[in-house]
Amino acid sequence: MKFITSNRDYQRVYENCKILKGNLFIFLIQKEISVDSLSVGIVVSKKVGNAVVRNKVKRRIKAFIKENSEIKPVSKNIIIKAKLEAGSANWQEIKEDLTEIFLKIQHS
């Protein structure tokens, strides 16, 4: 797994994506790609909270992805956008929402 870091890669996903929404996150999944591994971009707006809160949300998303290798898709480019509610959510709520969305991706 790798992280999307360049603006060009983010734009590719935004231009041609399927959207899945959860309670705390929005997933933008790039359609029709041929990649070997999972690439994830994380977007947490200033509306979610101050820098401490935004970094906490990012760390929790990364921790979830590292812990749950069995449920994440193998070859997708995904951008995970945090909703406003993600800033005040606890770890358990974040895990449940991410698990639910990743399982939807696997079954689609």
N, C-alpha and C. Protein backbone atom coordinates (compact mmCIF):
# COMPACT_ATOMS: atom_id res chain seq x y z
N MET A 1 0.83 -1.17 0.00
CA MET A 1 0.00 0.00 0.00
C MET A 1 0.88 1.24 0.00
N LYS A 2 0.43 2.24 -0.75
CA LYS A 2 1.15 3.51 -0.77
C LYS A 2 0.14 4.64 -0.63
N PHE A 3 0.66 5.83 -0.36
CA PHE A 3 -0.20 6.99 -0.19
C PHE A 3 -0.09 7.90 -1.40
N ILE A 4 -1.21 8.45 -1.81
CA ILE A 4 -1.24 9.40 -2.91
C ILE A 4 -0.73 10.73 -2.37
N THR A 5 0.27 11.29 -3.02
CA THR A 5 0.85 12.54 -2.54
C THR A 5 0.83 13.66 -3.58
N SER A 6 0.81 13.32 -4.85
CA SER A 6 0.89 14.37 -5.87
C SER A 6 -0.50 14.88 -6.27
N ASN A 7 -0.54 16.13 -6.62
CA ASN A 7 -1.78 16.76 -7.06
C ASN A 7 -2.32 16.07 -8.30
N ARG A 8 -1.44 15.66 -9.19
CA ARG A 8 -1.86 14.99 -10.43
C ARG A 8 -2.62 13.70 -10.12
N ASP A 9 -2.14 12.93 -9.17
CA ASP A 9 -2.82 11.68 -8.81
C ASP A 9 -4.18 11.94 -8.17
N TYR A 10 -4.25 12.97 -7.33
CA TYR A 10 -5.54 13.34 -6.75
C TYR A 10 -6.53 13.73 -7.85
N GLN A 11 -6.07 14.52 -8.81
CA GLN A 11 -6.96 14.98 -9.89
C GLN A 11 -7.46 13.82 -10.74
N ARG A 12 -6.63 12.81 -10.97
CA ARG A 12 -7.06 11.63 -11.74
C ARG A 12 -8.22 10.92 -11.05
N VAL A 13 -8.13 10.82 -9.74
CA VAL A 13 -9.20 10.15 -9.00
C VAL A 13 -10.47 11.01 -9.02
N TYR A 14 -10.31 12.32 -8.80
CA TYR A 14 -11.48 13.22 -8.80
C TYR A 14 -12.21 13.22 -10.13
N GLU A 15 -11.48 13.13 -11.24
CA GLU A 15 -12.09 13.21 -12.57
C GLU A 15 -12.93 12.00 -12.91
N ASN A 16 -12.55 10.85 -12.43
CA ASN A 16 -13.22 9.62 -12.83
C ASN A 16 -13.39 8.73 -11.60
N CYS A 17 -14.41 9.01 -10.80
CA CYS A 17 -14.54 8.25 -9.55
C CYS A 17 -15.97 7.85 -9.26
N LYS A 18 -16.06 6.84 -8.44
CA LYS A 18 -17.32 6.37 -7.87
C LYS A 18 -17.30 6.83 -6.42
N ILE A 19 -18.44 7.31 -5.91
CA ILE A 19 -18.49 7.87 -4.56
C ILE A 19 -19.28 6.93 -3.65
N LEU A 20 -18.68 6.62 -2.50
CA LEU A 20 -19.37 5.88 -1.44
C LEU A 20 -19.34 6.75 -0.19
N LYS A 21 -20.50 6.89 0.46
CA LYS A 21 -20.59 7.75 1.63
C LYS A 21 -20.91 6.93 2.87
N GLY A 22 -20.22 7.27 3.93
CA GLY A 22 -20.50 6.69 5.24
C GLY A 22 -20.94 7.80 6.17
N ASN A 23 -21.02 7.50 7.45
CA ASN A 23 -21.42 8.51 8.43
C ASN A 23 -20.32 9.53 8.67
N LEU A 24 -19.06 9.11 8.59
CA LEU A 24 -17.94 9.99 8.92
C LEU A 24 -17.03 10.29 7.74
N PHE A 25 -17.09 9.46 6.69
CA PHE A 25 -16.15 9.59 5.59
C PHE A 25 -16.83 9.46 4.24
N ILE A 26 -16.22 10.07 3.23
CA ILE A 26 -16.63 9.92 1.85
C ILE A 26 -15.46 9.28 1.11
N PHE A 27 -15.72 8.20 0.40
CA PHE A 27 -14.69 7.52 -0.37
C PHE A 27 -14.88 7.84 -1.84
N LEU A 28 -13.81 8.27 -2.49
CA LEU A 28 -13.79 8.48 -3.93
C LEU A 28 -12.91 7.39 -4.51
N ILE A 29 -13.48 6.49 -5.29
CA ILE A 29 -12.78 5.33 -5.80
C ILE A 29 -12.61 5.49 -7.30
N GLN A 30 -11.39 5.46 -7.76
CA GLN A 30 -11.11 5.65 -9.19
C GLN A 30 -11.62 4.45 -9.97
N LYS A 31 -12.34 4.73 -11.06
CA LYS A 31 -12.88 3.69 -11.92
C LYS A 31 -11.86 3.28 -12.96
N GLU A 32 -11.97 2.06 -13.41
CA GLU A 32 -11.22 1.54 -14.55
C GLU A 32 -9.74 1.89 -14.52
N ILE A 33 -9.05 1.32 -13.58
CA ILE A 33 -7.61 1.54 -13.49
C ILE A 33 -6.90 0.20 -13.51
N SER A 34 -5.64 0.25 -13.82
CA SER A 34 -4.83 -0.96 -13.79
C SER A 34 -3.61 -0.69 -12.91
N VAL A 35 -3.81 -0.88 -11.63
CA VAL A 35 -2.72 -0.70 -10.67
C VAL A 35 -2.50 -2.00 -9.92
N ASP A 36 -1.32 -2.14 -9.36
CA ASP A 36 -0.95 -3.37 -8.67
C ASP A 36 -1.28 -3.34 -7.19
N SER A 37 -1.36 -2.13 -6.61
CA SER A 37 -1.54 -2.06 -5.18
C SER A 37 -2.54 -0.98 -4.80
N LEU A 38 -2.89 -0.97 -3.55
CA LEU A 38 -3.80 0.02 -3.02
C LEU A 38 -3.06 1.34 -2.83
N SER A 39 -3.64 2.42 -3.35
CA SER A 39 -3.11 3.76 -3.14
C SER A 39 -4.19 4.58 -2.47
N VAL A 40 -3.84 5.23 -1.36
CA VAL A 40 -4.82 5.96 -0.57
C VAL A 40 -4.38 7.41 -0.41
N GLY A 41 -5.33 8.31 -0.62
CA GLY A 41 -5.13 9.72 -0.33
C GLY A 41 -6.08 10.10 0.78
N ILE A 42 -5.63 10.91 1.70
CA ILE A 42 -6.47 11.32 2.83
C ILE A 42 -6.65 12.82 2.79
N VAL A 43 -7.91 13.27 2.85
CA VAL A 43 -8.23 14.69 2.81
C VAL A 43 -9.04 15.03 4.05
N VAL A 44 -8.50 15.95 4.86
CA VAL A 44 -9.20 16.40 6.06
C VAL A 44 -9.21 17.92 6.01
N SER A 45 -10.39 18.48 5.81
CA SER A 45 -10.56 19.93 5.64
C SER A 45 -10.38 20.66 6.97
N LYS A 46 -10.08 21.96 6.88
CA LYS A 46 -9.98 22.79 8.07
C LYS A 46 -11.32 22.90 8.80
N LYS A 47 -12.41 22.60 8.11
CA LYS A 47 -13.73 22.64 8.73
C LYS A 47 -13.89 21.55 9.79
N VAL A 48 -13.09 20.49 9.68
CA VAL A 48 -13.16 19.38 10.64
C VAL A 48 -12.65 19.81 12.01
N GLY A 49 -11.65 20.68 12.03
CA GLY A 49 -11.10 21.14 13.30
C GLY A 49 -9.74 21.77 13.11
N ASN A 50 -9.10 22.07 14.23
CA ASN A 50 -7.77 22.66 14.14
C ASN A 50 -6.75 21.60 13.74
N ALA A 51 -5.49 21.99 13.65
CA ALA A 51 -4.44 21.09 13.17
C ALA A 51 -4.33 19.83 14.01
N VAL A 52 -4.49 19.95 15.30
CA VAL A 52 -4.39 18.79 16.19
C VAL A 52 -5.48 17.77 15.85
N VAL A 53 -6.71 18.25 15.68
CA VAL A 53 -7.83 17.37 15.36
C VAL A 53 -7.66 16.75 13.98
N ARG A 54 -7.26 17.54 12.99
CA ARG A 54 -7.08 17.02 11.64
C ARG A 54 -6.01 15.94 11.61
N ASN A 55 -4.89 16.17 12.28
CA ASN A 55 -3.83 15.16 12.31
C ASN A 55 -4.26 13.90 13.04
N LYS A 56 -5.07 14.06 14.08
CA LYS A 56 -5.58 12.90 14.83
C LYS A 56 -6.45 12.03 13.91
N VAL A 57 -7.31 12.68 13.13
CA VAL A 57 -8.17 11.93 12.19
C VAL A 57 -7.31 11.20 11.16
N LYS A 58 -6.30 11.87 10.61
CA LYS A 58 -5.41 11.24 9.63
C LYS A 58 -4.67 10.05 10.23
N ARG A 59 -4.16 10.21 11.44
CA ARG A 59 -3.44 9.11 12.10
C ARG A 59 -4.36 7.92 12.31
N ARG A 60 -5.60 8.18 12.69
CA ARG A 60 -6.54 7.08 12.92
C ARG A 60 -6.88 6.36 11.63
N ILE A 61 -7.03 7.08 10.54
CA ILE A 61 -7.30 6.44 9.25
C ILE A 61 -6.12 5.56 8.86
N LYS A 62 -4.91 6.08 8.97
CA LYS A 62 -3.71 5.32 8.63
C LYS A 62 -3.57 4.08 9.52
N ALA A 63 -3.86 4.23 10.80
CA ALA A 63 -3.77 3.09 11.72
C ALA A 63 -4.77 2.01 11.34
N PHE A 64 -5.98 2.42 10.97
CA PHE A 64 -6.99 1.45 10.57
C PHE A 64 -6.55 0.68 9.33
N ILE A 65 -6.01 1.39 8.36
CA ILE A 65 -5.58 0.75 7.12
C ILE A 65 -4.46 -0.25 7.38
N LYS A 66 -3.52 0.10 8.25
CA LYS A 66 -2.41 -0.80 8.55
C LYS A 66 -2.86 -2.02 9.33
N GLU A 67 -3.82 -1.84 10.25
CA GLU A 67 -4.30 -2.95 11.07
C GLU A 67 -5.18 -3.93 10.31
N ASN A 68 -5.92 -3.46 9.33
CA ASN A 68 -6.95 -4.27 8.68
C ASN A 68 -6.61 -4.57 7.24
N SER A 69 -5.52 -5.24 7.03
CA SER A 69 -5.08 -5.56 5.67
C SER A 69 -6.01 -6.56 4.99
N GLU A 70 -6.77 -7.34 5.76
CA GLU A 70 -7.61 -8.36 5.17
C GLU A 70 -8.88 -7.81 4.52
N ILE A 71 -9.33 -6.61 4.89
CA ILE A 71 -10.57 -6.10 4.32
C ILE A 71 -10.37 -5.02 3.27
N LYS A 72 -9.15 -4.52 3.12
CA LYS A 72 -8.97 -3.46 2.13
C LYS A 72 -8.78 -4.05 0.74
N PRO A 73 -9.25 -3.35 -0.28
CA PRO A 73 -9.10 -3.86 -1.65
C PRO A 73 -7.64 -3.87 -2.07
N VAL A 74 -7.30 -4.73 -3.01
CA VAL A 74 -5.91 -4.92 -3.40
C VAL A 74 -5.47 -3.88 -4.44
N SER A 75 -6.29 -3.59 -5.41
CA SER A 75 -5.83 -2.72 -6.50
C SER A 75 -6.83 -1.61 -6.78
N LYS A 76 -6.76 -0.57 -6.01
CA LYS A 76 -7.65 0.58 -6.18
C LYS A 76 -6.88 1.85 -5.82
N ASN A 77 -7.31 2.95 -6.41
CA ASN A 77 -6.88 4.27 -5.98
C ASN A 77 -8.07 4.89 -5.26
N ILE A 78 -7.88 5.24 -4.00
CA ILE A 78 -8.98 5.72 -3.17
C ILE A 78 -8.57 7.02 -2.49
N ILE A 79 -9.51 7.96 -2.46
CA ILE A 79 -9.33 9.16 -1.64
C ILE A 79 -10.37 9.10 -0.54
N ILE A 80 -9.92 9.26 0.70
CA ILE A 80 -10.81 9.24 1.85
C ILE A 80 -10.94 10.68 2.34
N LYS A 81 -12.16 11.22 2.26
CA LYS A 81 -12.42 12.58 2.71
C LYS A 81 -13.18 12.50 4.03
N ALA A 82 -12.70 13.23 5.02
CA ALA A 82 -13.35 13.23 6.32
C ALA A 82 -14.50 14.23 6.33
N LYS A 83 -15.63 13.81 6.87
CA LYS A 83 -16.74 14.72 7.07
C LYS A 83 -16.52 15.48 8.38
N LEU A 84 -17.33 16.50 8.61
CA LEU A 84 -17.19 17.32 9.82
C LEU A 84 -17.28 16.48 11.10
N GLU A 85 -18.14 15.48 11.09
CA GLU A 85 -18.38 14.64 12.27
C GLU A 85 -17.16 13.81 12.65
N ALA A 86 -16.24 13.61 11.73
CA ALA A 86 -15.07 12.78 12.00
C ALA A 86 -14.16 13.40 13.06
N GLY A 87 -14.17 14.72 13.17
CA GLY A 87 -13.33 15.40 14.15
C GLY A 87 -13.72 15.10 15.58
N SER A 88 -14.99 14.85 15.82
CA SER A 88 -15.46 14.59 17.19
C SER A 88 -15.75 13.10 17.44
N ALA A 89 -15.49 12.26 16.46
CA ALA A 89 -15.77 10.83 16.61
C ALA A 89 -14.67 10.14 17.41
N ASN A 90 -15.07 9.10 18.13
CA ASN A 90 -14.06 8.32 18.85
C ASN A 90 -13.52 7.21 17.95
N TRP A 91 -12.51 6.52 18.43
CA TRP A 91 -11.82 5.49 17.65
C TRP A 91 -12.77 4.39 17.20
N GLN A 92 -13.66 3.97 18.07
CA GLN A 92 -14.59 2.88 17.74
C GLN A 92 -15.52 3.29 16.60
N GLU A 93 -16.04 4.50 16.62
CA GLU A 93 -16.92 4.97 15.55
C GLU A 93 -16.19 5.05 14.21
N ILE A 94 -14.94 5.50 14.26
CA ILE A 94 -14.14 5.59 13.03
C ILE A 94 -13.89 4.20 12.46
N LYS A 95 -13.53 3.24 13.32
CA LYS A 95 -13.28 1.87 12.86
C LYS A 95 -14.53 1.27 12.22
N GLU A 96 -15.68 1.47 12.85
CA GLU A 96 -16.92 0.91 12.33
C GLU A 96 -17.27 1.49 10.96
N ASP A 97 -17.13 2.80 10.82
CA ASP A 97 -17.48 3.45 9.56
C ASP A 97 -16.52 3.03 8.44
N LEU A 98 -15.23 3.00 8.73
CA LEU A 98 -14.26 2.59 7.72
C LEU A 98 -14.45 1.12 7.33
N THR A 99 -14.71 0.27 8.30
CA THR A 99 -14.94 -1.15 8.01
C THR A 99 -16.14 -1.32 7.10
N GLU A 100 -17.22 -0.62 7.40
CA GLU A 100 -18.44 -0.71 6.61
C GLU A 100 -18.19 -0.30 5.15
N ILE A 101 -17.47 0.79 4.96
CA ILE A 101 -17.23 1.26 3.60
C ILE A 101 -16.26 0.35 2.85
N PHE A 102 -15.20 -0.11 3.51
CA PHE A 102 -14.25 -1.02 2.85
C PHE A 102 -14.94 -2.33 2.46
N LEU A 103 -15.88 -2.82 3.28
CA LEU A 103 -16.61 -4.03 2.92
C LEU A 103 -17.51 -3.79 1.71
N LYS A 104 -18.09 -2.60 1.61
CA LYS A 104 -18.90 -2.26 0.42
C LYS A 104 -18.04 -2.28 -0.83
N ILE A 105 -16.80 -1.77 -0.72
CA ILE A 105 -15.89 -1.75 -1.86
C ILE A 105 -15.55 -3.17 -2.30
N GLN A 106 -15.32 -4.06 -1.34
CA GLN A 106 -14.99 -5.45 -1.68
C GLN A 106 -16.13 -6.13 -2.41
N HIS A 107 -17.37 -5.84 -2.03
CA HIS A 107 -18.51 -6.53 -2.62
C HIS A 107 -18.99 -5.90 -3.91
N SER A 108 -18.38 -4.78 -4.30
CA SER A 108 -18.82 -4.15 -5.55
C SER A 108 -17.89 -4.46 -6.69
